[in-house]
Amino acid sequence: MLTVFLKHDQSRPLSELKQQLAKQEFHKVFPPAGVEVLSWNITMGIGQVVVLRLPASRLAEVNLAIENTAWGVYTTEFFPTYNFMPIAQAEQEKARLSPPQ
């Protein structure tokens, strides 16, 4: 998985940013076809946080989609991510079942 932070340029009005995204065809290109969007949220103070599921072999394609269509509107950060929930749940269950020390 890949977590992408899209931080919009706060020095420009939102209407102007939307026009630039349309001109650069951001919503046509990102995410590339076949890349699964697990979540796409607004995090106040950060911007848009998008979590994608994709094979590592497609990282360059996602990167190019951002470079070609989002730059100028967003600054970006990328974080490789994995699902820790099953591990955390197993550890919690183990801790709850073990006798107090």
PDB file of N, CA and C in Angstrom:
ATOM      1  N   MET A   1       0.842  -1.177   0.000  1.00  0.00           N
ATOM      2  CA  MET A   1       0.000   0.000   0.000  1.00  0.00           C
ATOM      3  C   MET A   1       0.886   1.238   0.000  1.00  0.00           C
ATOM      4  N   LEU A   2       0.292   2.326  -0.409  1.00  0.00           N
ATOM      5  CA  LEU A   2       0.996   3.599  -0.456  1.00  0.00           C
ATOM      6  C   LEU A   2       0.059   4.684   0.061  1.00  0.00           C
ATOM      7  N   THR A   3       0.526   5.448   1.044  1.00  0.00           N
ATOM      8  CA  THR A   3      -0.233   6.590   1.541  1.00  0.00           C
ATOM      9  C   THR A   3       0.344   7.844   0.904  1.00  0.00           C
ATOM     10  N   VAL A   4      -0.517   8.643   0.299  1.00  0.00           N
ATOM     11  CA  VAL A   4      -0.108   9.858  -0.407  1.00  0.00           C
ATOM     12  C   VAL A   4      -0.739  11.053   0.293  1.00  0.00           C
ATOM     13  N   PHE A   5       0.095  12.017   0.688  1.00  0.00           N
ATOM     14  CA  PHE A   5      -0.400  13.286   1.229  1.00  0.00           C
ATOM     15  C   PHE A   5      -0.400  14.301   0.100  1.00  0.00           C
ATOM     16  N   LEU A   6      -1.554  14.899  -0.164  1.00  0.00           N
ATOM     17  CA  LEU A   6      -1.692  15.962  -1.157  1.00  0.00           C
ATOM     18  C   LEU A   6      -1.987  17.246  -0.388  1.00  0.00           C
ATOM     19  N   LYS A   7      -0.986  18.100  -0.255  1.00  0.00           N
ATOM     20  CA  LYS A   7      -1.119  19.344   0.510  1.00  0.00           C
ATOM     21  C   LYS A   7      -1.315  20.492  -0.474  1.00  0.00           C
ATOM     22  N   HIS A   8      -2.503  21.102  -0.450  1.00  0.00           N
ATOM     23  CA  HIS A   8      -2.790  22.133  -1.448  1.00  0.00           C
ATOM     24  C   HIS A   8      -2.083  23.449  -1.117  1.00  0.00           C
ATOM     25  N   ASP A   9      -1.880  24.222  -2.167  1.00  0.00           N
ATOM     26  CA  ASP A   9      -1.232  25.533  -2.069  1.00  0.00           C
ATOM     27  C   ASP A   9      -2.206  26.506  -1.419  1.00  0.00           C
ATOM     28  N   GLN A  10      -1.982  26.838  -0.154  1.00  0.00           N
ATOM     29  CA  GLN A  10      -2.910  27.688   0.592  1.00  0.00           C
ATOM     30  C   GLN A  10      -2.808  29.163   0.216  1.00  0.00           C
ATOM     31  N   SER A  11      -1.866  29.516  -0.641  1.00  0.00           N
ATOM     32  CA  SER A  11      -1.737  30.917  -1.053  1.00  0.00           C
ATOM     33  C   SER A  11      -2.675  31.256  -2.214  1.00  0.00           C
ATOM     34  N   ARG A  12      -3.367  30.241  -2.752  1.00  0.00           N
ATOM     35  CA  ARG A  12      -4.252  30.448  -3.898  1.00  0.00           C
ATOM     36  C   ARG A  12      -5.675  30.021  -3.553  1.00  0.00           C
ATOM     37  N   PRO A  13      -6.682  30.668  -4.147  1.00  0.00           N
ATOM     38  CA  PRO A  13      -8.069  30.285  -3.872  1.00  0.00           C
ATOM     39  C   PRO A  13      -8.384  28.888  -4.413  1.00  0.00           C
ATOM     40  N   LEU A  14      -9.301  28.225  -3.732  1.00  0.00           N
ATOM     41  CA  LEU A  14      -9.683  26.869  -4.105  1.00  0.00           C
ATOM     42  C   LEU A  14     -10.192  26.791  -5.541  1.00  0.00           C
ATOM     43  N   SER A  15     -10.944  27.790  -5.978  1.00  0.00           N
ATOM     44  CA  SER A  15     -11.475  27.773  -7.349  1.00  0.00           C
ATOM     45  C   SER A  15     -10.343  27.747  -8.377  1.00  0.00           C
ATOM     46  N   GLU A  16      -9.283  28.467  -8.104  1.00  0.00           N
ATOM     47  CA  GLU A  16      -8.120  28.497  -8.999  1.00  0.00           C
ATOM     48  C   GLU A  16      -7.419  27.138  -9.009  1.00  0.00           C
ATOM     49  N   LEU A  17      -7.300  26.532  -7.842  1.00  0.00           N
ATOM     50  CA  LEU A  17      -6.664  25.212  -7.753  1.00  0.00           C
ATOM     51  C   LEU A  17      -7.473  24.172  -8.523  1.00  0.00           C
ATOM     52  N   LYS A  18      -8.794  24.222  -8.395  1.00  0.00           N
ATOM     53  CA  LYS A  18      -9.654  23.275  -9.111  1.00  0.00           C
ATOM     54  C   LYS A  18      -9.525  23.445 -10.621  1.00  0.00           C
ATOM     55  N   GLN A  19      -9.422  24.692 -11.084  1.00  0.00           N
ATOM     56  CA  GLN A  19      -9.241  24.946 -12.519  1.00  0.00           C
ATOM     57  C   GLN A  19      -7.929  24.342 -13.009  1.00  0.00           C
ATOM     58  N   GLN A  20      -6.873  24.507 -12.226  1.00  0.00           N
ATOM     59  CA  GLN A  20      -5.580  23.959 -12.627  1.00  0.00           C
ATOM     60  C   GLN A  20      -5.615  22.434 -12.642  1.00  0.00           C
ATOM     61  N   LEU A  21      -6.262  21.822 -11.652  1.00  0.00           N
ATOM     62  CA  LEU A  21      -6.390  20.358 -11.640  1.00  0.00           C
ATOM     63  C   LEU A  21      -7.123  19.874 -12.884  1.00  0.00           C
ATOM     64  N   ALA A  22      -8.191  20.578 -13.268  1.00  0.00           N
ATOM     65  CA  ALA A  22      -8.942  20.200 -14.468  1.00  0.00           C
ATOM     66  C   ALA A  22      -8.070  20.343 -15.714  1.00  0.00           C
ATOM     67  N   LYS A  23      -7.344  21.448 -15.811  1.00  0.00           N
ATOM     68  CA  LYS A  23      -6.466  21.692 -16.964  1.00  0.00           C
ATOM     69  C   LYS A  23      -5.396  20.616 -17.071  1.00  0.00           C
ATOM     70  N   GLN A  24      -4.860  20.195 -15.944  1.00  0.00           N
ATOM     71  CA  GLN A  24      -3.800  19.175 -15.920  1.00  0.00           C
ATOM     72  C   GLN A  24      -4.371  17.751 -15.931  1.00  0.00           C
ATOM     73  N   GLU A  25      -5.710  17.626 -15.962  1.00  0.00           N
ATOM     74  CA  GLU A  25      -6.421  16.341 -16.033  1.00  0.00           C
ATOM     75  C   GLU A  25      -6.105  15.416 -14.860  1.00  0.00           C
ATOM     76  N   PHE A  26      -5.959  16.007 -13.690  1.00  0.00           N
ATOM     77  CA  PHE A  26      -5.633  15.229 -12.494  1.00  0.00           C
ATOM     78  C   PHE A  26      -6.624  14.092 -12.265  1.00  0.00           C
ATOM     79  N   HIS A  27      -7.916  14.395 -12.310  1.00  0.00           N
ATOM     80  CA  HIS A  27      -8.921  13.381 -11.983  1.00  0.00           C
ATOM     81  C   HIS A  27      -9.092  12.332 -13.077  1.00  0.00           C
ATOM     82  N   LYS A  28      -8.574  12.570 -14.259  1.00  0.00           N
ATOM     83  CA  LYS A  28      -8.560  11.544 -15.309  1.00  0.00           C
ATOM     84  C   LYS A  28      -7.398  10.582 -15.110  1.00  0.00           C
ATOM     85  N   VAL A  29      -6.304  11.087 -14.558  1.00  0.00           N
ATOM     86  CA  VAL A  29      -5.050  10.333 -14.518  1.00  0.00           C
ATOM     87  C   VAL A  29      -4.776   9.688 -13.159  1.00  0.00           C
ATOM     88  N   PHE A  30      -5.217  10.322 -12.077  1.00  0.00           N
ATOM     89  CA  PHE A  30      -4.906   9.821 -10.737  1.00  0.00           C
ATOM     90  C   PHE A  30      -6.160   9.329 -10.053  1.00  0.00           C
ATOM     91  N   PRO A  31      -6.108   8.151  -9.510  1.00  0.00           N
ATOM     92  CA  PRO A  31      -5.023   7.174  -9.597  1.00  0.00           C
ATOM     93  C   PRO A  31      -5.073   6.461 -10.942  1.00  0.00           C
ATOM     94  N   PRO A  32      -3.949   5.896 -11.363  1.00  0.00           N
ATOM     95  CA  PRO A  32      -3.943   5.163 -12.629  1.00  0.00           C
ATOM     96  C   PRO A  32      -4.953   4.007 -12.597  1.00  0.00           C
ATOM     97  N   ALA A  33      -5.477   3.662 -13.750  1.00  0.00           N
ATOM     98  CA  ALA A  33      -6.434   2.555 -13.858  1.00  0.00           C
ATOM     99  C   ALA A  33      -5.848   1.297 -13.224  1.00  0.00           C
ATOM    100  N   GLY A  34      -6.676   0.617 -12.460  1.00  0.00           N
ATOM    101  CA  GLY A  34      -6.255  -0.631 -11.834  1.00  0.00           C
ATOM    102  C   GLY A  34      -5.609  -0.474 -10.473  1.00  0.00           C
ATOM    103  N   VAL A  35      -5.322   0.760 -10.062  1.00  0.00           N
ATOM    104  CA  VAL A  35      -4.793   1.009  -8.717  1.00  0.00           C
ATOM    105  C   VAL A  35      -5.998   1.227  -7.806  1.00  0.00           C
ATOM    106  N   GLU A  36      -6.078   0.438  -6.743  1.00  0.00           N
ATOM    107  CA  GLU A  36      -7.240   0.483  -5.849  1.00  0.00           C
ATOM    108  C   GLU A  36      -7.101   1.602  -4.820  1.00  0.00           C
ATOM    109  N   VAL A  37      -8.139   2.404  -4.688  1.00  0.00           N
ATOM    110  CA  VAL A  37      -8.189   3.446  -3.661  1.00  0.00           C
ATOM    111  C   VAL A  37      -8.862   2.845  -2.431  1.00  0.00           C
ATOM    112  N   LEU A  38      -8.112   2.709  -1.339  1.00  0.00           N
ATOM    113  CA  LEU A  38      -8.671   2.177  -0.096  1.00  0.00           C
ATOM    114  C   LEU A  38      -9.365   3.262   0.710  1.00  0.00           C
ATOM    115  N   SER A  39      -8.816   4.467   0.668  1.00  0.00           N
ATOM    116  CA  SER A  39      -9.463   5.605   1.332  1.00  0.00           C
ATOM    117  C   SER A  39      -8.948   6.893   0.713  1.00  0.00           C
ATOM    118  N   TRP A  40      -9.788   7.926   0.805  1.00  0.00           N
ATOM    119  CA  TRP A  40      -9.424   9.250   0.298  1.00  0.00           C
ATOM    120  C   TRP A  40     -10.111  10.241   1.225  1.00  0.00           C
ATOM    121  N   ASN A  41      -9.351  10.792   2.145  1.00  0.00           N
ATOM    122  CA  ASN A  41      -9.911  11.637   3.199  1.00  0.00           C
ATOM    123  C   ASN A  41      -9.281  13.015   3.217  1.00  0.00           C
ATOM    124  N   ILE A  42     -10.035  13.952   3.770  1.00  0.00           N
ATOM    125  CA  ILE A  42      -9.496  15.271   4.079  1.00  0.00           C
ATOM    126  C   ILE A  42      -9.056  15.240   5.535  1.00  0.00           C
ATOM    127  N   THR A  43      -7.829  15.627   5.782  1.00  0.00           N
ATOM    128  CA  THR A  43      -7.310  15.757   7.136  1.00  0.00           C
ATOM    129  C   THR A  43      -6.969  17.225   7.315  1.00  0.00           C
ATOM    130  N   MET A  44      -7.767  17.906   8.120  1.00  0.00           N
ATOM    131  CA  MET A  44      -7.566  19.348   8.289  1.00  0.00           C
ATOM    132  C   MET A  44      -6.164  19.614   8.826  1.00  0.00           C
ATOM    133  N   GLY A  45      -5.505  20.584   8.220  1.00  0.00           N
ATOM    134  CA  GLY A  45      -4.134  20.914   8.588  1.00  0.00           C
ATOM    135  C   GLY A  45      -3.105  20.186   7.740  1.00  0.00           C
ATOM    136  N   ILE A  46      -3.526  19.118   7.065  1.00  0.00           N
ATOM    137  CA  ILE A  46      -2.619  18.369   6.186  1.00  0.00           C
ATOM    138  C   ILE A  46      -3.089  18.498   4.747  1.00  0.00           C
ATOM    139  N   GLY A  47      -4.331  18.167   4.495  1.00  0.00           N
ATOM    140  CA  GLY A  47      -4.881  18.169   3.145  1.00  0.00           C
ATOM    141  C   GLY A  47      -5.528  16.835   2.856  1.00  0.00           C
ATOM    142  N   GLN A  48      -5.395  16.368   1.637  1.00  0.00           N
ATOM    143  CA  GLN A  48      -5.980  15.089   1.251  1.00  0.00           C
ATOM    144  C   GLN A  48      -4.990  13.973   1.555  1.00  0.00           C
ATOM    145  N   VAL A  49      -5.513  12.898   2.122  1.00  0.00           N
ATOM    146  CA  VAL A  49      -4.702  11.724   2.433  1.00  0.00           C
ATOM    147  C   VAL A  49      -5.333  10.553   1.689  1.00  0.00           C
ATOM    148  N   VAL A  50      -4.583  10.006   0.740  1.00  0.00           N
ATOM    149  CA  VAL A  50      -5.083   8.941  -0.125  1.00  0.00           C
ATOM    150  C   VAL A  50      -4.282   7.679   0.160  1.00  0.00           C
ATOM    151  N   VAL A  51      -4.991   6.580   0.416  1.00  0.00           N
ATOM    152  CA  VAL A  51      -4.327   5.295   0.626  1.00  0.00           C
ATOM    153  C   VAL A  51      -4.654   4.411  -0.570  1.00  0.00           C
ATOM    154  N   LEU A  52      -3.606   3.951  -1.238  1.00  0.00           N
ATOM    155  CA  LEU A  52      -3.734   3.139  -2.449  1.00  0.00           C
ATOM    156  C   LEU A  52      -3.199   1.734  -2.207  1.00  0.00           C
ATOM    157  N   ARG A  53      -3.803   0.758  -2.876  1.00  0.00           N
ATOM    158  CA  ARG A  53      -3.254  -0.599  -2.876  1.00  0.00           C
ATOM    159  C   ARG A  53      -2.744  -0.865  -4.292  1.00  0.00           C
ATOM    160  N   LEU A  54      -1.480  -1.232  -4.386  1.00  0.00           N
ATOM    161  CA  LEU A  54      -0.870  -1.476  -5.685  1.00  0.00           C
ATOM    162  C   LEU A  54       0.384  -2.315  -5.509  1.00  0.00           C
ATOM    163  N   PRO A  55       0.765  -3.052  -6.546  1.00  0.00           N
ATOM    164  CA  PRO A  55       2.043  -3.763  -6.473  1.00  0.00           C
ATOM    165  C   PRO A  55       3.198  -2.773  -6.606  1.00  0.00           C
ATOM    166  N   ALA A  56       4.317  -3.108  -6.007  1.00  0.00           N
ATOM    167  CA  ALA A  56       5.491  -2.223  -6.053  1.00  0.00           C
ATOM    168  C   ALA A  56       5.892  -1.892  -7.488  1.00  0.00           C
ATOM    169  N   SER A  57       5.615  -2.780  -8.407  1.00  0.00           N
ATOM    170  CA  SER A  57       5.984  -2.554  -9.809  1.00  0.00           C
ATOM    171  C   SER A  57       5.243  -1.363 -10.426  1.00  0.00           C
ATOM    172  N   ARG A  58       4.202  -0.855  -9.759  1.00  0.00           N
ATOM    173  CA  ARG A  58       3.421   0.265 -10.307  1.00  0.00           C
ATOM    174  C   ARG A  58       3.722   1.589  -9.611  1.00  0.00           C
ATOM    175  N   LEU A  59       4.689   1.593  -8.693  1.00  0.00           N
ATOM    176  CA  LEU A  59       5.018   2.826  -7.971  1.00  0.00           C
ATOM    177  C   LEU A  59       5.424   3.958  -8.912  1.00  0.00           C
ATOM    178  N   ALA A  60       6.246   3.661  -9.891  1.00  0.00           N
ATOM    179  CA  ALA A  60       6.701   4.701 -10.822  1.00  0.00           C
ATOM    180  C   ALA A  60       5.519   5.300 -11.584  1.00  0.00           C
ATOM    181  N   GLU A  61       4.565   4.478 -11.954  1.00  0.00           N
ATOM    182  CA  GLU A  61       3.379   4.948 -12.676  1.00  0.00           C
ATOM    183  C   GLU A  61       2.551   5.909 -11.813  1.00  0.00           C
ATOM    184  N   VAL A  62       2.387   5.571 -10.543  1.00  0.00           N
ATOM    185  CA  VAL A  62       1.658   6.455  -9.621  1.00  0.00           C
ATOM    186  C   VAL A  62       2.429   7.756  -9.440  1.00  0.00           C
ATOM    187  N   ASN A  63       3.739   7.648  -9.277  1.00  0.00           N
ATOM    188  CA  ASN A  63       4.577   8.835  -9.107  1.00  0.00           C
ATOM    189  C   ASN A  63       4.457   9.765 -10.313  1.00  0.00           C
ATOM    190  N   LEU A  64       4.513   9.210 -11.510  1.00  0.00           N
ATOM    191  CA  LEU A  64       4.394  10.034 -12.724  1.00  0.00           C
ATOM    192  C   LEU A  64       3.015  10.675 -12.839  1.00  0.00           C
ATOM    193  N   ALA A  65       1.975   9.962 -12.437  1.00  0.00           N
ATOM    194  CA  ALA A  65       0.631  10.543 -12.471  1.00  0.00           C
ATOM    195  C   ALA A  65       0.575  11.782 -11.585  1.00  0.00           C
ATOM    196  N   ILE A  66       1.198  11.704 -10.425  1.00  0.00           N
ATOM    197  CA  ILE A  66       1.245  12.861  -9.514  1.00  0.00           C
ATOM    198  C   ILE A  66       2.093  13.977 -10.122  1.00  0.00           C
ATOM    199  N   GLU A  67       3.293  13.638 -10.581  1.00  0.00           N
ATOM    200  CA  GLU A  67       4.197  14.658 -11.133  1.00  0.00           C
ATOM    201  C   GLU A  67       3.560  15.393 -12.308  1.00  0.00           C
ATOM    202  N   ASN A  68       2.871  14.661 -13.165  1.00  0.00           N
ATOM    203  CA  ASN A  68       2.318  15.254 -14.384  1.00  0.00           C
ATOM    204  C   ASN A  68       1.011  16.009 -14.179  1.00  0.00           C
ATOM    205  N   THR A  69       0.285  15.722 -13.101  1.00  0.00           N
ATOM    206  CA  THR A  69      -1.047  16.324 -12.978  1.00  0.00           C
ATOM    207  C   THR A  69      -1.318  17.056 -11.671  1.00  0.00           C
ATOM    208  N   ALA A  70      -0.518  16.834 -10.644  1.00  0.00           N
ATOM    209  CA  ALA A  70      -0.818  17.438  -9.337  1.00  0.00           C
ATOM    210  C   ALA A  70       0.137  18.557  -8.949  1.00  0.00           C
ATOM    211  N   TRP A  71       1.333  18.522  -9.491  1.00  0.00           N
ATOM    212  CA  TRP A  71       2.303  19.543  -9.102  1.00  0.00           C
ATOM    213  C   TRP A  71       1.803  20.916  -9.522  1.00  0.00           C
ATOM    214  N   GLY A  72       2.069  21.895  -8.687  1.00  0.00           N
ATOM    215  CA  GLY A  72       1.575  23.247  -8.913  1.00  0.00           C
ATOM    216  C   GLY A  72       0.307  23.519  -8.115  1.00  0.00           C
ATOM    217  N   VAL A  73      -0.419  22.449  -7.798  1.00  0.00           N
ATOM    218  CA  VAL A  73      -1.603  22.548  -6.947  1.00  0.00           C
ATOM    219  C   VAL A  73      -1.281  21.989  -5.568  1.00  0.00           C
ATOM    220  N   TYR A  74      -0.605  20.848  -5.571  1.00  0.00           N
ATOM    221  CA  TYR A  74      -0.280  20.152  -4.328  1.00  0.00           C
ATOM    222  C   TYR A  74       1.228  20.002  -4.162  1.00  0.00           C
ATOM    223  N   THR A  75       1.686  20.039  -2.929  1.00  0.00           N
ATOM    224  CA  THR A  75       2.973  19.440  -2.595  1.00  0.00           C
ATOM    225  C   THR A  75       2.620  18.044  -2.098  1.00  0.00           C
ATOM    226  N   THR A  76       3.524  17.111  -2.283  1.00  0.00           N
ATOM    227  CA  THR A  76       3.173  15.718  -2.013  1.00  0.00           C
ATOM    228  C   THR A  76       4.183  15.051  -1.099  1.00  0.00           C
ATOM    229  N   GLU A  77       3.691  14.081  -0.374  1.00  0.00           N
ATOM    230  CA  GLU A  77       4.536  13.193   0.420  1.00  0.00           C
ATOM    231  C   GLU A  77       3.999  11.783   0.217  1.00  0.00           C
ATOM    232  N   PHE A  78       4.908  10.820   0.174  1.00  0.00           N
ATOM    233  CA  PHE A  78       4.552   9.420  -0.056  1.00  0.00           C
ATOM    234  C   PHE A  78       5.093   8.569   1.086  1.00  0.00           C
ATOM    235  N   PHE A  79       4.263   7.639   1.552  1.00  0.00           N
ATOM    236  CA  PHE A  79       4.662   6.759   2.638  1.00  0.00           C
ATOM    237  C   PHE A  79       4.239   5.329   2.318  1.00  0.00           C
ATOM    238  N   PRO A  80       5.216   4.407   2.145  1.00  0.00           N
ATOM    239  CA  PRO A  80       4.836   2.998   2.010  1.00  0.00           C
ATOM    240  C   PRO A  80       4.117   2.577   3.297  1.00  0.00           C
ATOM    241  N   THR A  81       3.056   1.814   3.150  1.00  0.00           N
ATOM    242  CA  THR A  81       2.169   1.502   4.256  1.00  0.00           C
ATOM    243  C   THR A  81       1.816   0.016   4.213  1.00  0.00           C
ATOM    244  N   TYR A  82       1.550  -0.566   5.376  1.00  0.00           N
ATOM    245  CA  TYR A  82       0.993  -1.912   5.384  1.00  0.00           C
ATOM    246  C   TYR A  82      -0.057  -2.017   6.478  1.00  0.00           C
ATOM    247  N   ASN A  83      -0.928  -3.007   6.349  1.00  0.00           N
ATOM    248  CA  ASN A  83      -2.037  -3.192   7.274  1.00  0.00           C
ATOM    249  C   ASN A  83      -1.535  -3.900   8.526  1.00  0.00           C
ATOM    250  N   PHE A  84      -1.491  -3.195   9.624  1.00  0.00           N
ATOM    251  CA  PHE A  84      -1.017  -3.733  10.898  1.00  0.00           C
ATOM    252  C   PHE A  84      -2.165  -4.263  11.759  1.00  0.00           C
ATOM    253  N   MET A  85      -3.398  -4.026  11.349  1.00  0.00           N
ATOM    254  CA  MET A  85      -4.550  -4.389  12.171  1.00  0.00           C
ATOM    255  C   MET A  85      -4.555  -5.861  12.594  1.00  0.00           C
ATOM    256  N   PRO A  86      -4.354  -6.837  11.702  1.00  0.00           N
ATOM    257  CA  PRO A  86      -4.385  -8.234  12.145  1.00  0.00           C
ATOM    258  C   PRO A  86      -3.299  -8.543  13.190  1.00  0.00           C
ATOM    259  N   ILE A  87      -2.144  -7.938  13.043  1.00  0.00           N
ATOM    260  CA  ILE A  87      -1.056  -8.158  13.996  1.00  0.00           C
ATOM    261  C   ILE A  87      -1.409  -7.544  15.342  1.00  0.00           C
ATOM    262  N   ALA A  88      -1.906  -6.313  15.325  1.00  0.00           N
ATOM    263  CA  ALA A  88      -2.286  -5.644  16.571  1.00  0.00           C
ATOM    264  C   ALA A  88      -3.399  -6.405  17.281  1.00  0.00           C
ATOM    265  N   GLN A  89      -4.377  -6.873  16.535  1.00  0.00           N
ATOM    266  CA  GLN A  89      -5.476  -7.620  17.144  1.00  0.00           C
ATOM    267  C   GLN A  89      -4.985  -8.928  17.762  1.00  0.00           C
ATOM    268  N   ALA A  90      -4.083  -9.616  17.077  1.00  0.00           N
ATOM    269  CA  ALA A  90      -3.529 -10.865  17.616  1.00  0.00           C
ATOM    270  C   ALA A  90      -2.744 -10.598  18.895  1.00  0.00           C
ATOM    271  N   GLU A  91      -1.971  -9.527  18.921  1.00  0.00           N
ATOM    272  CA  GLU A  91      -1.204  -9.173  20.122  1.00  0.00           C
ATOM    273  C   GLU A  91      -2.133  -8.807  21.278  1.00  0.00           C
ATOM    274  N   GLN A  92      -3.195  -8.091  20.989  1.00  0.00           N
ATOM    275  CA  GLN A  92      -4.158  -7.732  22.034  1.00  0.00           C
ATOM    276  C   GLN A  92      -4.835  -8.976  22.601  1.00  0.00           C
ATOM    277  N   GLU A  93      -5.249  -9.863  21.729  1.00  0.00           N
ATOM    278  CA  GLU A  93      -5.903 -11.095  22.170  1.00  0.00           C
ATOM    279  C   GLU A  93      -4.956 -11.932  23.023  1.00  0.00           C
ATOM    280  N   LYS A  94      -3.722 -12.046  22.586  1.00  0.00           N
ATOM    281  CA  LYS A  94      -2.710 -12.798  23.339  1.00  0.00           C
ATOM    282  C   LYS A  94      -2.515 -12.179  24.722  1.00  0.00           C
ATOM    283  N   ALA A  95      -2.426 -10.860  24.788  1.00  0.00           N
ATOM    284  CA  ALA A  95      -2.214 -10.172  26.067  1.00  0.00           C
ATOM    285  C   ALA A  95      -3.416 -10.350  26.993  1.00  0.00           C
ATOM    286  N   ARG A  96      -4.588 -10.329  26.443  1.00  0.00           N
ATOM    287  CA  ARG A  96      -5.799 -10.469  27.267  1.00  0.00           C
ATOM    288  C   ARG A  96      -5.971 -11.882  27.806  1.00  0.00           C
ATOM    289  N   LEU A  97      -5.474 -12.868  27.081  1.00  0.00           N
ATOM    290  CA  LEU A  97      -5.609 -14.261  27.500  1.00  0.00           C
ATOM    291  C   LEU A  97      -4.502 -14.718  28.440  1.00  0.00           C
ATOM    292  N   SER A  98      -3.405 -13.990  28.476  1.00  0.00           N
ATOM    293  CA  SER A  98      -2.292 -14.408  29.341  1.00  0.00           C
ATOM    294  C   SER A  98      -2.550 -13.955  30.776  1.00  0.00           C
ATOM    295  N   PRO A  99      -2.069 -14.747  31.748  1.00  0.00           N
ATOM    296  CA  PRO A  99      -2.278 -14.373  33.151  1.00  0.00           C
ATOM    297  C   PRO A  99      -1.482 -13.120  33.510  1.00  0.00           C
ATOM    298  N   PRO A 100      -1.980 -12.329  34.470  1.00  0.00           N
ATOM    299  CA  PRO A 100      -1.242 -11.132  34.901  1.00  0.00           C
ATOM    300  C   PRO A 100       0.123 -11.512  35.451  1.00  0.00           C
ATOM    301  N   GLN A 101       1.067 -10.619  35.290  1.00  0.00           N
ATOM    302  CA  GLN A 101       2.428 -10.916  35.757  1.00  0.00           C
ATOM    303  C   GLN A 101       2.733 -10.263  37.059  1.00  0.00           C
TER     304      GLN A 101
END
